[in-house]
């Protein structure tokens, strides 16, 4: 079996950008042979079969990212990420993103490495139609470049974000990790904003990856284009 944590090859990152997210900044993929892969920011991947393997892989990935910022990468042997494929041999059919309402995703992602549940998640329950009034939305990311935001500032289809109102509850990148239940505790200190009237779904971030959740999430089913000539208007009081 190939390495369980790796960097997704650049040619495959472009394919992942055009697939929907499972949550803000990550995608859960179903692979052949009862395997899964959690891909973070379309760049870093953890391949696993069990909950325990997933959380062990996330811990290793975090150590690797920490190591990348040190002056001497050789201090931690074997934790330098290499480019890899999402499977040992690429099949003809590209893997499907697991719908977050699927019980499989709930069981793997909802909490820590030991807990397992058969209950169905309460997901994004409000459908907000497109209208003429622009609103502001935000995405948090641990990297300076967010592949799901194009050069014009648009969000690609299937992208998660949060609202202007909820942003006021997030004073730092580490607060964003907990509030939106991001997969690794790397400070999500880079924030991208968009003013748009695009339709979206809205709900509450559930506990995942041992994070508390509780923030407001939105998902743009279709791409969200910015409205640069129109300003977001806040309430009077």
Protein backbone atom coordinates (compact mmCIF):
# COMPACT_ATOMS: atom_id res chain seq x y z
CA UNK A 1 0.00 0.00 0.00
CA UNK A 2 1.28 3.49 -0.81
CA UNK A 3 2.18 6.08 1.82
CA UNK A 4 -0.79 7.03 4.01
CA UNK A 5 -0.02 10.78 4.09
CA UNK A 6 1.30 12.68 1.08
CA UNK A 7 0.99 15.73 -1.14
CA UNK A 8 -1.49 15.30 -3.97
CA UNK A 9 0.23 15.56 -7.33
CA UNK A 10 -0.24 19.02 -8.92
CA UNK A 11 -2.06 17.58 -11.94
CA UNK A 12 -4.66 16.02 -9.63
CA UNK A 13 -5.08 19.10 -7.45
CA UNK A 14 -6.71 20.88 -10.38
CA UNK A 15 -9.27 18.08 -10.65
CA UNK A 16 -10.09 18.23 -6.96
CA UNK A 17 -10.75 21.97 -7.04
CA UNK A 18 -13.74 21.33 -9.30
CA UNK A 19 -15.25 18.74 -6.93
CA UNK A 20 -17.43 19.87 -3.99
CA UNK A 21 -16.09 20.12 -0.46
CA UNK A 22 -17.22 17.90 2.41
CA UNK A 23 -16.56 20.77 4.83
CA UNK A 24 -14.63 24.02 4.86
CA UNK A 25 -11.21 23.27 3.42
CA UNK A 26 -11.49 19.48 3.09
CA UNK A 27 -12.91 16.66 0.95
CA UNK A 28 -13.65 13.07 1.96
CA UNK A 29 -13.14 10.73 -1.01
CA UNK A 30 -14.26 7.14 -1.44
CA UNK A 31 -11.46 5.00 -2.92
CA UNK A 32 -11.31 1.41 -4.21
CA UNK A 33 -10.74 -1.54 -1.85
CA UNK A 34 -12.78 -0.03 1.03
CA UNK A 35 -10.36 2.86 1.44
CA UNK A 36 -11.02 6.55 1.94
CA UNK A 37 -8.91 9.68 1.62
CA UNK A 38 -9.27 12.95 3.45
CA UNK A 39 -7.84 15.71 1.27
CA UNK A 40 -7.10 19.08 2.90
CA UNK A 41 -6.99 22.26 0.79
CA UNK A 42 -6.73 20.00 -2.31
CA UNK A 43 -3.02 19.57 -1.44
CA UNK A 44 -2.53 17.22 1.54
CA UNK A 45 -4.06 13.74 1.69
CA UNK A 46 -4.56 11.13 4.41
CA UNK A 47 -5.47 7.68 3.10
CA UNK A 48 -7.23 5.38 5.62
CA UNK A 49 -9.59 2.46 6.21
CA UNK A 50 -10.51 2.98 9.87
CA UNK A 51 -11.22 5.92 12.16
CA UNK A 52 -8.02 5.17 14.07
CA UNK A 53 -5.94 5.31 10.87
CA UNK A 54 -7.54 8.63 9.94
CA UNK A 55 -6.71 10.33 13.22
CA UNK A 56 -3.22 8.86 13.34
CA UNK A 57 -2.68 10.18 9.82
CA UNK A 58 -3.96 13.63 10.78
CA UNK A 59 -1.52 13.72 13.69
CA UNK A 60 1.34 12.76 11.37
CA UNK A 61 0.24 15.38 8.86
CA UNK A 62 0.23 18.04 11.56
CA UNK A 63 3.77 17.07 12.59
CA UNK A 64 4.84 17.29 8.96
CA UNK A 65 3.36 20.77 8.55
CA UNK A 66 5.00 21.88 11.79
CA UNK A 67 8.29 20.46 10.55
CA UNK A 68 8.03 22.36 7.27
CA UNK A 69 8.34 25.62 9.19
CA UNK A 70 11.55 24.62 10.98
CA UNK A 71 15.03 25.49 9.85
CA UNK A 72 16.29 21.89 9.86
CA UNK A 73 13.81 19.53 8.18
CA UNK A 74 16.02 16.56 9.05
CA UNK A 75 15.14 16.91 12.75
CA UNK A 76 12.15 14.60 12.28
CA UNK A 77 13.02 11.63 10.13
CA UNK A 78 10.47 10.23 7.70
CA UNK A 79 7.93 13.05 8.06
CA UNK A 80 8.79 15.00 4.89
CA UNK A 81 5.76 14.77 2.62
CA UNK A 82 6.25 13.37 -0.87
CA UNK A 83 3.98 13.69 -3.90
CA UNK A 84 1.68 10.69 -4.25
CA UNK A 85 -1.42 9.30 -5.93
CA UNK A 86 -4.76 8.87 -4.25
CA UNK A 87 -4.53 5.13 -4.98
CA UNK A 88 -1.77 2.68 -5.79
CA UNK A 89 -2.98 2.48 -9.39
CA UNK A 90 -5.28 5.15 -10.74
CA UNK A 91 -8.54 3.67 -12.07
CA UNK A 92 -10.41 5.09 -15.01
CA UNK A 93 -13.13 6.57 -12.78
CA UNK A 94 -12.10 9.45 -10.51
CA UNK A 95 -13.15 8.90 -6.85
CA UNK A 96 -16.41 10.35 -5.62
CA UNK A 97 -16.64 12.92 -2.84
CA UNK A 98 -18.60 11.43 0.08
CA UNK A 99 -21.75 13.42 0.82
CA UNK A 100 -21.56 14.72 4.37
CA UNK A 101 -25.11 13.54 5.04
CA UNK A 102 -23.95 9.97 4.36
CA UNK A 103 -23.64 7.95 7.58
CA UNK A 104 -20.15 6.90 6.47
CA UNK A 105 -18.89 10.46 6.72
CA UNK A 106 -20.67 10.99 10.03
CA UNK A 107 -19.06 7.91 11.56
CA UNK A 108 -15.55 8.82 10.44
CA UNK A 109 -15.54 12.57 11.00
CA UNK A 110 -17.96 13.46 13.77
CA UNK A 111 -15.74 13.18 16.82
CA UNK A 112 -12.47 11.70 18.07
CA UNK A 113 -10.74 8.49 17.02
CA UNK A 114 -12.78 6.16 19.25
CA UNK A 115 -16.36 7.41 19.21
CA UNK A 116 -18.76 5.97 16.65
CA UNK A 117 -22.37 6.85 16.02
CA UNK A 118 -25.18 5.56 13.83
CA UNK A 119 -27.34 8.68 14.16
CA UNK A 120 -27.90 10.83 11.11
CA UNK A 121 -26.37 14.28 11.11
CA UNK A 122 -28.52 17.39 11.05
CA UNK A 123 -27.01 19.15 8.10
CA UNK A 124 -27.45 22.39 6.16
CA UNK A 125 -31.20 22.78 6.45
CA UNK A 126 -31.95 26.28 5.14
CA UNK A 127 -32.11 26.98 1.41
CA UNK A 128 -31.35 30.66 0.76
CA UNK A 129 -32.38 31.70 -2.74
CA UNK A 130 -30.44 34.18 -4.83
CA UNK A 131 -31.82 37.70 -4.55
CA UNK A 132 -30.85 41.26 -5.36
CA UNK A 133 -29.37 42.09 -1.96
CA UNK A 134 -25.63 41.34 -1.74
CA UNK A 135 -24.22 39.72 1.38
CA UNK A 136 -20.68 39.12 2.57
CA UNK A 137 -19.24 35.65 3.19
CA UNK A 138 -15.85 34.47 4.43
CA UNK A 139 -13.56 31.44 4.14
CA UNK A 140 -10.79 30.51 6.56
CA UNK A 141 -7.65 28.74 5.37
CA UNK A 142 -4.30 27.81 6.91
CA UNK A 143 -2.44 28.53 3.66
CA UNK A 144 -1.84 31.81 1.88
CA UNK A 145 -3.39 30.47 -1.33
CA UNK A 146 -6.91 29.02 -1.25
CA UNK A 147 -7.42 26.88 -4.37
CA UNK A 148 -11.20 27.22 -4.17
CA UNK A 149 -11.04 31.00 -4.72
CA UNK A 150 -10.21 31.88 -8.33
CA UNK A 151 -8.18 34.84 -9.54
CA UNK A 152 -11.33 36.96 -9.83
CA UNK A 153 -12.32 36.29 -6.22
CA UNK A 154 -15.16 33.89 -7.07
CA UNK A 155 -15.83 30.74 -5.04
CA UNK A 156 -16.05 27.57 -7.12
CA UNK A 157 -19.11 25.33 -6.88
CA UNK A 158 -19.40 23.18 -3.77
CA UNK A 159 -17.42 25.56 -1.56
CA UNK A 160 -18.08 26.12 2.16
CA UNK A 161 -17.88 29.52 3.87
CA UNK A 162 -19.43 31.41 6.79
CA UNK A 163 -21.46 34.58 7.20
CA UNK A 164 -20.62 38.16 8.12
CA UNK A 165 -22.51 37.84 11.40
CA UNK A 166 -20.67 34.68 12.42
CA UNK A 167 -17.30 36.18 11.57
CA UNK A 168 -17.63 38.41 14.63
CA UNK A 169 -17.42 35.28 16.79
CA UNK A 170 -14.02 34.30 15.35
CA UNK A 171 -11.19 36.52 16.66
CA UNK A 172 -8.33 34.29 15.44
CA UNK A 173 -7.28 31.46 13.15
CA UNK A 174 -7.29 28.96 16.01
CA UNK A 175 -10.81 30.04 16.96
CA UNK A 176 -11.85 29.23 13.38
CA UNK A 177 -10.43 25.71 13.73
CA UNK A 178 -12.72 25.00 16.68
CA UNK A 179 -15.82 26.86 15.52
CA UNK A 180 -15.93 25.31 12.04
CA UNK A 181 -14.45 21.92 13.09
CA UNK A 182 -11.51 22.00 10.69
CA UNK A 183 -9.54 18.75 10.31
CA UNK A 184 -6.12 19.83 11.65
CA UNK A 185 -5.31 22.36 14.39
CA UNK A 186 -3.18 24.51 12.07
CA UNK A 187 -4.24 28.16 12.59
CA UNK A 188 -6.60 29.12 9.75
CA UNK A 189 -5.31 32.69 9.80
CA UNK A 190 -5.92 33.57 6.14
CA UNK A 191 -9.42 34.87 5.41
CA UNK A 192 -11.01 35.39 2.00
CA UNK A 193 -14.19 37.38 1.58
CA UNK A 194 -16.80 37.72 -1.15
CA UNK A 195 -19.80 39.97 -1.60
CA UNK A 196 -22.40 38.05 -3.59
CA UNK A 197 -26.09 37.37 -3.93
CA UNK A 198 -25.57 33.71 -4.89
CA UNK A 199 -27.99 31.13 -3.54
CA UNK A 200 -26.68 28.79 -0.86
CA UNK A 201 -27.53 26.34 1.89
CA UNK A 202 -27.04 27.28 5.54
CA UNK A 203 -26.75 25.40 8.82
CA UNK A 204 -24.58 24.81 11.89
CA UNK A 205 -21.11 23.26 11.87
CA UNK A 206 -21.32 19.93 13.71
CA UNK A 207 -18.58 18.50 15.97
CA UNK A 208 -15.89 16.81 13.88
CA UNK A 209 -12.19 15.97 14.25
CA UNK A 210 -12.49 16.42 18.05
CA UNK A 211 -13.43 20.08 17.52
CA UNK A 212 -16.57 21.62 19.00
CA UNK A 213 -18.15 23.17 15.89
CA UNK A 214 -21.13 25.46 16.43
CA UNK A 215 -20.40 28.10 13.79
CA UNK A 216 -22.68 29.05 10.93
CA UNK A 217 -21.80 27.27 7.68
CA UNK A 218 -22.95 27.99 4.17
CA UNK A 219 -22.36 25.92 1.04
CA UNK A 220 -22.54 27.35 -2.46
CA UNK A 221 -23.97 24.57 -4.62
CA UNK A 222 -23.05 26.59 -7.69
CA UNK A 223 -20.19 29.03 -8.08
CA UNK A 224 -20.47 32.34 -6.22
CA UNK A 225 -19.38 35.37 -8.23
CA UNK A 226 -18.39 38.60 -6.50
CA UNK A 227 -20.38 41.80 -6.91
CA UNK A 228 -17.57 44.38 -6.75
CA UNK A 229 -19.75 47.43 -7.40
CA UNK A 230 -22.22 46.66 -4.61
CA UNK A 231 -21.41 46.86 -0.90
CA UNK A 232 -22.63 44.56 1.83
CA UNK A 233 -25.08 46.49 4.02
CA UNK A 234 -25.14 45.74 7.74
CA UNK A 235 -28.15 46.20 9.99
CA UNK A 236 -28.72 49.63 11.53
CA UNK A 237 -28.58 48.44 15.13
